[in-house]
Protein backbone atom coordinates (compact mmCIF):
# COMPACT_ATOMS: atom_id res chain seq x y z
CA UNK A 1 92.09 66.29 45.81
CA UNK A 2 94.26 63.90 43.88
CA UNK A 3 94.04 60.38 44.21
CA UNK A 4 96.58 58.62 46.75
CA UNK A 5 100.02 57.39 45.41
CA UNK A 6 99.59 54.34 47.76
CA UNK A 7 96.18 53.19 49.07
CA UNK A 8 96.20 50.38 51.41
CA UNK A 9 92.70 49.25 52.05
CA UNK A 10 91.57 46.83 54.89
CA UNK A 11 95.00 44.94 54.32
CA UNK A 12 95.79 41.86 56.68
CA UNK A 13 98.94 39.67 56.28
CA UNK A 14 99.19 36.56 58.25
CA UNK A 15 102.33 33.85 58.54
CA UNK A 16 102.39 30.50 59.76
CA UNK A 17 104.84 29.89 62.76
CA UNK A 18 104.64 26.26 63.67
CA UNK A 19 101.27 25.63 64.69
CA UNK A 20 100.33 29.15 65.43
CA UNK A 21 99.01 31.94 63.12
CA UNK A 22 100.48 35.35 63.53
CA UNK A 23 98.71 38.52 62.30
CA UNK A 24 101.24 40.82 61.27
CA UNK A 25 98.94 43.42 59.69
CA UNK A 26 94.95 43.44 60.85
CA UNK A 27 92.80 45.24 58.42
CA UNK A 28 95.09 48.35 57.76
CA UNK A 29 93.86 51.16 56.11
CA UNK A 30 96.42 53.85 54.85
CA UNK A 31 96.97 56.57 52.03
CA UNK A 32 100.14 58.13 50.99
CA UNK A 33 99.78 61.12 48.78
CA UNK A 34 101.86 61.71 45.84
CA UNK A 35 105.00 63.63 46.31
CA UNK A 36 104.85 62.82 50.38
CA UNK A 37 107.83 61.82 52.38
CA UNK A 38 106.55 59.71 55.07
CA UNK A 39 108.27 58.14 57.97
CA UNK A 40 106.84 54.68 59.11
CA UNK A 41 107.73 53.93 62.81
CA UNK A 42 106.59 51.57 65.44
CA UNK A 43 108.04 48.66 67.56
CA UNK A 44 109.79 45.65 66.65
CA UNK A 45 107.01 43.17 64.73
CA UNK A 46 104.64 46.12 64.27
CA UNK A 47 104.40 45.34 60.64
CA UNK A 48 106.57 47.83 59.09
CA UNK A 49 108.85 45.86 56.96
CA UNK A 50 105.89 43.59 56.04
CA UNK A 51 104.03 46.99 54.75
CA UNK A 52 106.65 47.76 52.67
CA UNK A 53 106.89 44.54 51.11
CA UNK A 54 103.23 44.30 50.17
CA UNK A 55 103.45 47.95 48.62
CA UNK A 56 106.60 46.90 46.74
CA UNK A 57 105.04 43.78 45.44
CA UNK A 58 107.69 41.26 47.22
CA UNK A 59 104.88 39.70 49.03
CA UNK A 60 100.96 39.47 48.76
CA UNK A 61 98.32 40.45 51.16
CA UNK A 62 96.04 37.78 52.79
CA UNK A 63 93.18 40.26 52.53
CA UNK A 64 92.59 43.45 51.37
CA UNK A 65 93.94 45.52 48.32
CA UNK A 66 97.09 47.58 47.85
CA UNK A 67 96.69 49.87 45.00
CA UNK A 68 99.86 52.00 43.94
CA UNK A 69 99.50 54.64 41.13
CA UNK A 70 96.36 53.38 40.43
CA UNK A 71 97.17 49.82 39.83
CA UNK A 72 96.03 46.52 42.02
CA UNK A 73 99.35 45.20 42.99
CA UNK A 74 97.91 41.94 44.08
CA UNK A 75 96.54 40.86 40.70
CA UNK A 76 99.96 41.10 39.31
CA UNK A 77 101.94 38.14 38.51
CA UNK A 78 105.08 36.92 36.87
CA UNK A 79 106.73 39.12 34.43
CA UNK A 80 104.01 41.83 34.40
CA UNK A 81 104.43 42.29 38.32
CA UNK A 82 108.41 42.27 37.49
CA UNK A 83 108.10 44.82 34.94
CA UNK A 84 105.46 47.02 37.11
CA UNK A 85 108.04 46.99 40.15
CA UNK A 86 110.94 48.05 37.85
CA UNK A 87 109.07 50.71 36.39
CA UNK A 88 107.26 52.07 39.50
CA UNK A 89 109.19 51.43 42.82
CA UNK A 90 112.63 52.04 43.57
CA UNK A 91 113.99 49.89 47.00
CA UNK A 92 116.68 51.01 49.18
CA UNK A 93 117.64 48.60 52.19
CA UNK A 94 119.57 49.08 55.38
CA UNK A 95 122.16 46.62 54.16
CA UNK A 96 123.13 48.06 50.71
CA UNK A 97 122.66 44.97 48.82
CA UNK A 98 125.35 46.04 46.58
CA UNK A 99 127.26 42.95 44.26
CA UNK A 100 130.73 42.78 45.56
CA UNK A 101 132.43 41.96 42.17
CA UNK A 102 130.61 44.92 40.32
CA UNK A 103 131.50 48.43 40.25
CA UNK A 104 129.33 51.21 41.57
CA UNK A 105 128.32 51.97 37.67
CA UNK A 106 127.70 48.26 37.02
CA UNK A 107 125.47 48.02 40.05
CA UNK A 108 123.38 50.80 38.89
CA UNK A 109 123.26 49.68 35.51
CA UNK A 110 121.94 45.98 36.59
CA UNK A 111 118.15 46.68 37.38
CA UNK A 112 118.37 49.00 33.96
CA UNK A 113 118.71 45.66 32.08
CA UNK A 114 115.03 44.95 32.74
CA UNK A 115 114.19 48.28 30.55
CA UNK A 116 114.06 48.12 26.90
CA UNK A 117 116.69 50.45 26.28
CA UNK A 118 120.17 49.94 24.60
CA UNK A 119 123.61 49.52 26.57
CA UNK A 120 124.47 53.09 26.05
CA UNK A 121 121.54 54.52 27.43
CA UNK A 122 121.66 52.19 30.56
CA UNK A 123 125.48 53.83 30.99
CA UNK A 124 123.94 57.13 30.52
CA UNK A 125 121.09 56.67 33.03
CA UNK A 126 123.76 55.00 35.70
CA UNK A 127 126.22 57.89 35.30
CA UNK A 128 123.17 60.51 35.73
CA UNK A 129 122.18 58.71 38.85
CA UNK A 130 125.65 58.64 40.21
CA UNK A 131 126.15 62.47 39.75
CA UNK A 132 122.83 62.91 41.49
CA UNK A 133 124.03 61.39 44.73
CA UNK A 134 127.48 62.88 44.56
CA UNK A 135 129.51 59.84 43.72
CA UNK A 136 130.59 60.19 39.96
CA UNK A 137 133.95 60.16 41.39
CA UNK A 138 133.60 56.52 42.61
CA UNK A 139 132.01 55.05 39.29
CA UNK A 140 134.77 52.34 39.02
CA UNK A 141 134.98 51.58 42.52
CA UNK A 142 133.72 48.46 43.92
CA UNK A 143 131.49 48.22 47.52
CA UNK A 144 134.63 46.98 49.42
CA UNK A 145 136.45 50.28 48.48
CA UNK A 146 133.60 52.65 49.91
CA UNK A 147 132.54 53.87 53.02
CA UNK A 148 129.12 52.64 54.41
CA UNK A 149 127.56 56.19 53.67
CA UNK A 150 128.94 55.78 49.94
CA UNK A 151 127.41 52.65 49.70
CA UNK A 152 124.07 53.75 50.67
CA UNK A 153 124.49 56.52 48.23
CA UNK A 154 125.31 54.09 45.34
CA UNK A 155 122.25 52.22 46.48
CA UNK A 156 120.03 55.00 46.37
CA UNK A 157 121.32 55.83 42.84
CA UNK A 158 120.48 52.18 41.73
CA UNK A 159 117.07 52.60 43.20
CA UNK A 160 116.33 56.06 40.93
CA UNK A 161 118.37 55.07 37.85
CA UNK A 162 114.76 53.56 36.40
CA UNK A 163 113.35 57.14 37.45
CA UNK A 164 110.67 55.13 39.80
CA UNK A 165 107.76 57.07 41.21
CA UNK A 166 108.04 55.52 44.52
CA UNK A 167 111.03 55.23 46.77
CA UNK A 168 110.73 52.51 49.53
CA UNK A 169 113.57 52.45 52.25
CA UNK A 170 113.53 50.22 55.09
CA UNK A 171 115.92 51.68 57.66
CA UNK A 172 118.20 53.16 55.22
CA UNK A 173 120.56 54.82 57.86
CA UNK A 174 120.24 52.10 60.22
CA UNK A 175 124.13 50.88 59.52
CA UNK A 176 125.48 54.39 59.26
CA UNK A 177 127.21 56.78 61.72
CA UNK A 178 125.27 60.18 62.31
CA UNK A 179 127.26 62.17 59.80
CA UNK A 180 126.60 59.69 56.98
CA UNK A 181 123.10 59.12 57.82
CA UNK A 182 122.45 63.04 57.66
CA UNK A 183 123.75 63.15 54.29
CA UNK A 184 121.74 60.17 53.08
CA UNK A 185 118.41 61.95 54.50
CA UNK A 186 119.48 65.30 53.18
CA UNK A 187 119.74 63.25 49.71
CA UNK A 188 116.52 61.84 50.17
CA UNK A 189 114.94 65.00 50.81
CA UNK A 190 116.32 66.34 47.76
CA UNK A 191 114.73 63.41 45.68
CA UNK A 192 111.43 64.25 47.43
CA UNK A 193 111.53 68.09 47.06
CA UNK A 194 113.35 68.63 43.51
CA UNK A 195 112.20 65.26 41.62
CA UNK A 196 108.68 64.73 43.56
CA UNK A 197 109.41 61.00 44.51
CA UNK A 198 106.98 59.62 46.97
CA UNK A 199 109.12 58.19 49.65
CA UNK A 200 107.97 55.57 52.28
CA UNK A 201 110.85 55.30 54.76
CA UNK A 202 110.79 52.52 57.84
CA UNK A 203 112.71 53.86 60.49
CA UNK A 204 113.45 53.56 64.34
CA UNK A 205 115.37 56.89 64.38
CA UNK A 206 113.69 59.98 65.58
CA UNK A 207 116.00 62.43 64.08
CA UNK A 208 115.85 60.38 60.44
CA UNK A 209 111.78 60.42 60.95
CA UNK A 210 111.97 64.31 61.60
CA UNK A 211 113.27 64.82 58.20
CA UNK A 212 109.83 63.57 56.82
CA UNK A 213 106.80 65.47 56.20
CA UNK A 214 104.51 63.06 58.42
CA UNK A 215 105.27 60.17 60.60
CA UNK A 216 103.16 57.21 60.48
CA UNK A 217 102.73 55.04 63.72
CA UNK A 218 102.10 51.30 63.64
CA UNK A 219 101.44 49.19 66.44
CA UNK A 220 100.58 45.15 66.32
CA UNK A 221 99.60 45.66 62.70
CA UNK A 222 97.36 48.61 63.02
CA UNK A 223 97.58 52.33 62.25
CA UNK A 224 97.83 54.21 65.65
CA UNK A 225 98.07 57.66 63.97
CA UNK A 226 99.87 59.96 61.26
CA UNK A 227 101.67 62.84 62.76
CA UNK A 228 102.65 65.96 60.76
CA UNK A 229 105.89 67.32 61.16
CA UNK A 230 106.53 71.18 61.77
CA UNK A 231 108.09 73.00 59.16
């Protein structure tokens, strides 16, 4: 049996709010298999986005370990953490987070600037990522010239341009109409099946969750169960 791509071991996360301590994740154990497509569901405040942030190295746990592709994320700091994140993790957010003054191509090239590659190589990688998401004809368009679905596809292209092993998606279809959402989910399914990307997707949408291999249920910072979707 292969090692998990993501191994969350007895992880706790707490936040101070006024004089109160709020436990968001409570001794959570979770394993994500390499090449799996997982949907992460649960009520608001159950710890879904916090868990994504810990896995992606955007925040640190107060207890336990988060191990991704054999790396203990909590031990990484500074430039080592930034470089690991650039090499290993692709982020996709609900709000797209594209830079308005940059074209689609330039938005995708931006994270590649962290990689030790030439400008010509960055342009080639960005163009390939745009082709994969079906947006080559929008390379010179700025975000305000794109629909919501098109913006999200550009955001996905940006996430995969560095060829990460893991894609973390936080409500990637939350701001989209049904047709655009379906197109984005079809794209993510393709990235999982053809390119073996491990995907962990936070969603409130049962139709989105149904496109994943497995559904993880969280509540009050604890794992409630993992359901396997039927083929």
